């Protein structure tokens, strides 16, 4: 796990380096045009939602409440994280790095995938400054996005329920296809809901 965390820290630093070179890789394709990258990412996200087939019925009677950090908190925490290894980093560097901003957008929009999949009878989401004290109840479970504050930690989704406590939600890191990775993440959330 520690080597994975170190790799995540290195990847974040590489993203800033890529920002200076104005090149990004998404879904196995290299982009030098940021607008084309944005368009293709939006298209892939919309395509995934359009092809997503809902379950016949929810796997649980409990609702899911999703808590995502406010964007300003996310970006400030990311900046402090990156400054550990790259002290010259600025907020403008992060704002211009589409990988960082897209990471936030993807995280804050995960609820759409969960809702469409129909894993829960009801899904709600909220933006919060700090999600560390949020707890589940008998009626609902929670899904919390935790932003890594310092290396070697990584950003992580946590599923928290009264029955099984707190568990990290992972997608299969070996998958390179965007749709397969999204499916893997939804499968992990579904498995957690069924416990």
C-alpha atoms as a PDB file:
ATOM      1  CA  UNK A   1       0.000   0.000   0.000  1.00  0.00           C
ATOM      2  CA  UNK A   2       2.848   2.368   0.831  1.00  0.00           C
ATOM      3  CA  UNK A   3       4.432   1.923  -2.600  1.00  0.00           C
ATOM      4  CA  UNK A   4       1.052   2.698  -4.170  1.00  0.00           C
ATOM      5  CA  UNK A   5       0.844   5.886  -2.114  1.00  0.00           C
ATOM      6  CA  UNK A   6       4.324   6.934  -3.143  1.00  0.00           C
ATOM      7  CA  UNK A   7       3.394   6.236  -6.747  1.00  0.00           C
ATOM      8  CA  UNK A   8       0.313   8.436  -6.348  1.00  0.00           C
ATOM      9  CA  UNK A   9       2.457  11.267  -4.997  1.00  0.00           C
ATOM     10  CA  UNK A  10       4.860  10.866  -7.891  1.00  0.00           C
ATOM     11  CA  UNK A  11       1.978  10.855 -10.365  1.00  0.00           C
ATOM     12  CA  UNK A  12       0.671  14.113  -8.921  1.00  0.00           C
ATOM     13  CA  UNK A  13       4.090  15.691  -9.371  1.00  0.00           C
ATOM     14  CA  UNK A  14       4.251  14.356 -12.916  1.00  0.00           C
ATOM     15  CA  UNK A  15       0.877  15.941 -13.643  1.00  0.00           C
ATOM     16  CA  UNK A  16       2.333  19.319 -12.795  1.00  0.00           C
ATOM     17  CA  UNK A  17       5.270  18.599 -15.059  1.00  0.00           C
ATOM     18  CA  UNK A  18       2.891  17.631 -17.825  1.00  0.00           C
ATOM     19  CA  UNK A  19       1.109  20.912 -17.287  1.00  0.00           C
ATOM     20  CA  UNK A  20       4.257  22.786 -18.266  1.00  0.00           C
ATOM     21  CA  UNK A  21       4.577  20.630 -21.401  1.00  0.00           C
ATOM     22  CA  UNK A  22       0.879  21.008 -22.220  1.00  0.00           C
ATOM     23  CA  UNK A  23       0.354  17.291 -22.861  1.00  0.00           C
ATOM     24  CA  UNK A  24      -2.031  14.850 -21.168  1.00  0.00           C
ATOM     25  CA  UNK A  25      -2.870  11.169 -21.531  1.00  0.00           C
ATOM     26  CA  UNK A  26      -6.462  10.020 -21.231  1.00  0.00           C
ATOM     27  CA  UNK A  27      -7.829   6.570 -21.953  1.00  0.00           C
ATOM     28  CA  UNK A  28      -4.571   5.595 -23.648  1.00  0.00           C
ATOM     29  CA  UNK A  29      -4.485   8.606 -25.990  1.00  0.00           C
ATOM     30  CA  UNK A  30      -2.056  11.545 -25.799  1.00  0.00           C
ATOM     31  CA  UNK A  31      -3.544  15.044 -26.011  1.00  0.00           C
ATOM     32  CA  UNK A  32      -1.726  18.291 -26.618  1.00  0.00           C
ATOM     33  CA  UNK A  33      -4.934  20.281 -27.035  1.00  0.00           C
ATOM     34  CA  UNK A  34      -6.641  20.896 -23.682  1.00  0.00           C
ATOM     35  CA  UNK A  35     -10.011  21.706 -25.257  1.00  0.00           C
ATOM     36  CA  UNK A  36      -9.996  18.474 -27.262  1.00  0.00           C
ATOM     37  CA  UNK A  37      -9.143  16.586 -24.075  1.00  0.00           C
ATOM     38  CA  UNK A  38     -12.032  18.262 -22.220  1.00  0.00           C
ATOM     39  CA  UNK A  39     -14.423  17.452 -25.041  1.00  0.00           C
ATOM     40  CA  UNK A  40     -13.364  13.797 -25.209  1.00  0.00           C
ATOM     41  CA  UNK A  41     -13.579  13.389 -21.434  1.00  0.00           C
ATOM     42  CA  UNK A  42     -17.056  14.912 -21.340  1.00  0.00           C
ATOM     43  CA  UNK A  43     -18.094  12.682 -24.240  1.00  0.00           C
ATOM     44  CA  UNK A  44     -16.762   9.562 -22.483  1.00  0.00           C
ATOM     45  CA  UNK A  45     -18.526  10.473 -19.248  1.00  0.00           C
ATOM     46  CA  UNK A  46     -21.825  11.108 -21.011  1.00  0.00           C
ATOM     47  CA  UNK A  47     -21.422   7.928 -23.079  1.00  0.00           C
ATOM     48  CA  UNK A  48     -20.817   5.902 -19.937  1.00  0.00           C
ATOM     49  CA  UNK A  49     -23.947   7.259 -18.260  1.00  0.00           C
ATOM     50  CA  UNK A  50     -26.003   6.634 -21.408  1.00  0.00           C
ATOM     51  CA  UNK A  51     -24.959   2.980 -21.680  1.00  0.00           C
ATOM     52  CA  UNK A  52     -25.247   2.243 -17.937  1.00  0.00           C
ATOM     53  CA  UNK A  53     -27.990  -0.295 -17.252  1.00  0.00           C
ATOM     54  CA  UNK A  54     -29.768   0.005 -13.895  1.00  0.00           C
ATOM     55  CA  UNK A  55     -30.222  -2.985 -11.622  1.00  0.00           C
ATOM     56  CA  UNK A  56     -33.696  -4.524 -11.530  1.00  0.00           C
ATOM     57  CA  UNK A  57     -34.024  -3.365  -7.925  1.00  0.00           C
ATOM     58  CA  UNK A  58     -31.801  -1.800  -5.256  1.00  0.00           C
ATOM     59  CA  UNK A  59     -29.565  -4.193  -3.319  1.00  0.00           C
ATOM     60  CA  UNK A  60     -30.465  -2.552   0.001  1.00  0.00           C
ATOM     61  CA  UNK A  61     -33.348  -0.684   1.615  1.00  0.00           C
ATOM     62  CA  UNK A  62     -30.988   1.933   3.042  1.00  0.00           C
ATOM     63  CA  UNK A  63     -30.348   5.193   1.223  1.00  0.00           C
ATOM     64  CA  UNK A  64     -26.875   6.491   0.391  1.00  0.00           C
ATOM     65  CA  UNK A  65     -25.625   9.930   1.346  1.00  0.00           C
ATOM     66  CA  UNK A  66     -22.515  11.070  -0.512  1.00  0.00           C
ATOM     67  CA  UNK A  67     -20.212  13.740   0.896  1.00  0.00           C
ATOM     68  CA  UNK A  68     -17.727  15.481  -1.383  1.00  0.00           C
ATOM     69  CA  UNK A  69     -15.323  18.196  -0.250  1.00  0.00           C
ATOM     70  CA  UNK A  70     -15.974  21.720  -1.475  1.00  0.00           C
ATOM     71  CA  UNK A  71     -13.865  22.568  -4.508  1.00  0.00           C
ATOM     72  CA  UNK A  72     -11.866  25.248  -2.686  1.00  0.00           C
ATOM     73  CA  UNK A  73     -10.977  22.790   0.090  1.00  0.00           C
ATOM     74  CA  UNK A  74      -9.990  20.140  -2.483  1.00  0.00           C
ATOM     75  CA  UNK A  75      -7.774  22.522  -4.477  1.00  0.00           C
ATOM     76  CA  UNK A  76      -6.097  24.053  -1.398  1.00  0.00           C
ATOM     77  CA  UNK A  77      -5.389  20.593   0.005  1.00  0.00           C
ATOM     78  CA  UNK A  78      -4.001  19.445  -3.371  1.00  0.00           C
ATOM     79  CA  UNK A  79      -1.755  22.500  -3.524  1.00  0.00           C
ATOM     80  CA  UNK A  80      -0.353  21.801  -0.051  1.00  0.00           C
ATOM     81  CA  UNK A  81       0.140  18.148  -1.018  1.00  0.00           C
ATOM     82  CA  UNK A  82       2.050  19.018  -4.178  1.00  0.00           C
ATOM     83  CA  UNK A  83       4.168  21.652  -2.417  1.00  0.00           C
ATOM     84  CA  UNK A  84       5.687  18.903  -0.269  1.00  0.00           C
ATOM     85  CA  UNK A  85       7.666  17.769  -3.320  1.00  0.00           C
ATOM     86  CA  UNK A  86       7.389  20.817  -5.583  1.00  0.00           C
ATOM     87  CA  UNK A  87       7.568  23.964  -3.465  1.00  0.00           C
ATOM     88  CA  UNK A  88       7.197  26.319  -6.448  1.00  0.00           C
ATOM     89  CA  UNK A  89       3.705  24.993  -7.298  1.00  0.00           C
ATOM     90  CA  UNK A  90       0.933  27.583  -7.421  1.00  0.00           C
ATOM     91  CA  UNK A  91      -2.832  27.422  -7.509  1.00  0.00           C
ATOM     92  CA  UNK A  92      -2.638  28.524 -11.153  1.00  0.00           C
ATOM     93  CA  UNK A  93      -0.561  25.386 -11.883  1.00  0.00           C
ATOM     94  CA  UNK A  94      -3.293  23.213 -10.426  1.00  0.00           C
ATOM     95  CA  UNK A  95      -6.122  25.127 -12.081  1.00  0.00           C
ATOM     96  CA  UNK A  96      -4.374  24.697 -15.443  1.00  0.00           C
ATOM     97  CA  UNK A  97      -3.792  20.988 -14.872  1.00  0.00           C
ATOM     98  CA  UNK A  98      -6.895  19.385 -16.289  1.00  0.00           C
ATOM     99  CA  UNK A  99      -6.056  16.058 -14.661  1.00  0.00           C
ATOM    100  CA  UNK A 100      -6.332  17.628 -11.197  1.00  0.00           C
ATOM    101  CA  UNK A 101      -9.504  19.583 -11.929  1.00  0.00           C
ATOM    102  CA  UNK A 102     -11.048  16.584 -13.694  1.00  0.00           C
ATOM    103  CA  UNK A 103     -10.270  14.421 -10.661  1.00  0.00           C
ATOM    104  CA  UNK A 104     -12.454  16.746  -8.619  1.00  0.00           C
ATOM    105  CA  UNK A 105     -15.201  16.872 -11.251  1.00  0.00           C
ATOM    106  CA  UNK A 106     -15.271  13.074 -11.530  1.00  0.00           C
ATOM    107  CA  UNK A 107     -15.408  12.673  -7.774  1.00  0.00           C
ATOM    108  CA  UNK A 108     -18.170  15.230  -7.331  1.00  0.00           C
ATOM    109  CA  UNK A 109     -20.245  13.594 -10.087  1.00  0.00           C
ATOM    110  CA  UNK A 110     -19.937   9.964  -8.968  1.00  0.00           C
ATOM    111  CA  UNK A 111     -23.424  10.238  -7.475  1.00  0.00           C
ATOM    112  CA  UNK A 112     -24.910  10.346 -10.994  1.00  0.00           C
ATOM    113  CA  UNK A 113     -23.471   6.911 -11.790  1.00  0.00           C
ATOM    114  CA  UNK A 114     -24.564   5.450  -8.473  1.00  0.00           C
ATOM    115  CA  UNK A 115     -28.069   6.878  -8.843  1.00  0.00           C
ATOM    116  CA  UNK A 116     -28.485   5.632 -12.414  1.00  0.00           C
ATOM    117  CA  UNK A 117     -27.196   2.152 -11.516  1.00  0.00           C
ATOM    118  CA  UNK A 118     -29.982   1.899  -8.919  1.00  0.00           C
ATOM    119  CA  UNK A 119     -27.896   0.294  -6.169  1.00  0.00           C
ATOM    120  CA  UNK A 120     -29.822   2.291  -3.543  1.00  0.00           C
ATOM    121  CA  UNK A 121     -33.463   3.367  -3.382  1.00  0.00           C
ATOM    122  CA  UNK A 122     -32.331   6.971  -2.837  1.00  0.00           C
ATOM    123  CA  UNK A 123     -29.049   8.822  -3.358  1.00  0.00           C
ATOM    124  CA  UNK A 124     -28.276  12.313  -2.097  1.00  0.00           C
ATOM    125  CA  UNK A 125     -25.071  14.290  -2.107  1.00  0.00           C
ATOM    126  CA  UNK A 126     -23.644  17.268  -0.273  1.00  0.00           C
ATOM    127  CA  UNK A 127     -20.546  19.421  -0.524  1.00  0.00           C
ATOM    128  CA  UNK A 128     -18.772  19.788   2.807  1.00  0.00           C
ATOM    129  CA  UNK A 129     -15.643  21.436   4.133  1.00  0.00           C
ATOM    130  CA  UNK A 130     -14.532  18.438   6.187  1.00  0.00           C
ATOM    131  CA  UNK A 131     -16.182  15.035   6.036  1.00  0.00           C
ATOM    132  CA  UNK A 132     -14.130  13.420   8.810  1.00  0.00           C
ATOM    133  CA  UNK A 133     -16.927  13.361  11.398  1.00  0.00           C
ATOM    134  CA  UNK A 134     -19.761  12.135   9.177  1.00  0.00           C
ATOM    135  CA  UNK A 135     -21.410   8.962  10.434  1.00  0.00           C
ATOM    136  CA  UNK A 136     -24.029   6.549   9.038  1.00  0.00           C
ATOM    137  CA  UNK A 137     -27.348   5.699  10.655  1.00  0.00           C
ATOM    138  CA  UNK A 138     -29.743   2.739  10.568  1.00  0.00           C
ATOM    139  CA  UNK A 139     -31.545   4.384   7.625  1.00  0.00           C
ATOM    140  CA  UNK A 140     -28.586   5.400   5.499  1.00  0.00           C
ATOM    141  CA  UNK A 141     -24.970   4.588   4.690  1.00  0.00           C
ATOM    142  CA  UNK A 142     -22.445   7.218   3.668  1.00  0.00           C
ATOM    143  CA  UNK A 143     -19.838   7.493   0.954  1.00  0.00           C
ATOM    144  CA  UNK A 144     -17.124  10.028   1.749  1.00  0.00           C
ATOM    145  CA  UNK A 145     -14.367  11.355  -0.496  1.00  0.00           C
ATOM    146  CA  UNK A 146     -11.235  11.889   1.568  1.00  0.00           C
ATOM    147  CA  UNK A 147      -8.614  14.217   0.090  1.00  0.00           C
ATOM    148  CA  UNK A 148      -5.003  13.297   0.866  1.00  0.00           C
ATOM    149  CA  UNK A 149      -3.305  16.073   2.808  1.00  0.00           C
ATOM    150  CA  UNK A 150       0.324  14.895   2.559  1.00  0.00           C
ATOM    151  CA  UNK A 151       2.364  12.275   0.727  1.00  0.00           C
ATOM    152  CA  UNK A 152       2.382   9.302   0.814  1.00  0.00           C
ATOM    153  CA  UNK A 153      -1.414   9.338   1.366  1.00  0.00           C
ATOM    154  CA  UNK A 154      -3.800   9.079  -1.589  1.00  0.00           C
ATOM    155  CA  UNK A 155      -7.264  10.485  -2.246  1.00  0.00           C
ATOM    156  CA  UNK A 156      -9.768   7.813  -1.325  1.00  0.00           C
ATOM    157  CA  UNK A 157     -13.482   7.044  -1.308  1.00  0.00           C
ATOM    158  CA  UNK A 158     -14.748   5.420   1.913  1.00  0.00           C
ATOM    159  CA  UNK A 159     -18.012   3.571   2.346  1.00  0.00           C
ATOM    160  CA  UNK A 160     -19.215   3.780   5.941  1.00  0.00           C
ATOM    161  CA  UNK A 161     -22.077   1.752   7.388  1.00  0.00           C
ATOM    162  CA  UNK A 162     -23.201   0.812  10.889  1.00  0.00           C
ATOM    163  CA  UNK A 163     -23.012  -2.875   9.953  1.00  0.00           C
ATOM    164  CA  UNK A 164     -19.492  -3.124   8.586  1.00  0.00           C
ATOM    165  CA  UNK A 165     -17.772   0.109   9.554  1.00  0.00           C
ATOM    166  CA  UNK A 166     -15.466   2.022   7.233  1.00  0.00           C
ATOM    167  CA  UNK A 167     -14.046   0.441   4.098  1.00  0.00           C
ATOM    168  CA  UNK A 168     -12.026   1.872   1.248  1.00  0.00           C
ATOM    169  CA  UNK A 169     -13.603   1.701  -2.197  1.00  0.00           C
ATOM    170  CA  UNK A 170     -11.187   0.729  -4.955  1.00  0.00           C
ATOM    171  CA  UNK A 171     -11.583   0.094  -8.634  1.00  0.00           C
ATOM    172  CA  UNK A 172      -9.384  -2.443 -10.390  1.00  0.00           C
ATOM    173  CA  UNK A 173      -6.137  -0.543 -11.022  1.00  0.00           C
ATOM    174  CA  UNK A 174      -5.183  -2.978 -13.796  1.00  0.00           C
ATOM    175  CA  UNK A 175      -8.050  -1.884 -16.010  1.00  0.00           C
ATOM    176  CA  UNK A 176      -7.106   0.649 -18.662  1.00  0.00           C
ATOM    177  CA  UNK A 177     -10.546   1.085 -20.241  1.00  0.00           C
ATOM    178  CA  UNK A 178     -12.505   3.975 -18.726  1.00  0.00           C
ATOM    179  CA  UNK A 179     -15.862   2.158 -18.835  1.00  0.00           C
ATOM    180  CA  UNK A 180     -14.366  -0.945 -17.180  1.00  0.00           C
ATOM    181  CA  UNK A 181     -12.869   1.172 -14.404  1.00  0.00           C
ATOM    182  CA  UNK A 182     -16.211   2.899 -13.787  1.00  0.00           C
ATOM    183  CA  UNK A 183     -17.961  -0.495 -13.707  1.00  0.00           C
ATOM    184  CA  UNK A 184     -15.357  -1.778 -11.258  1.00  0.00           C
ATOM    185  CA  UNK A 185     -15.933   1.183  -8.938  1.00  0.00           C
ATOM    186  CA  UNK A 186     -19.712   0.683  -9.022  1.00  0.00           C
ATOM    187  CA  UNK A 187     -19.229  -3.047  -8.335  1.00  0.00           C
ATOM    188  CA  UNK A 188     -17.162  -2.193  -5.248  1.00  0.00           C
ATOM    189  CA  UNK A 189     -19.876   0.184  -3.991  1.00  0.00           C
ATOM    190  CA  UNK A 190     -22.554  -2.432  -4.657  1.00  0.00           C
ATOM    191  CA  UNK A 191     -20.556  -5.083  -2.769  1.00  0.00           C
ATOM    192  CA  UNK A 192     -20.171  -2.728   0.195  1.00  0.00           C
ATOM    193  CA  UNK A 193     -23.908  -1.978   0.194  1.00  0.00           C
ATOM    194  CA  UNK A 194     -24.722  -5.692   0.277  1.00  0.00           C
ATOM    195  CA  UNK A 195     -22.672  -6.354   3.422  1.00  0.00           C
END
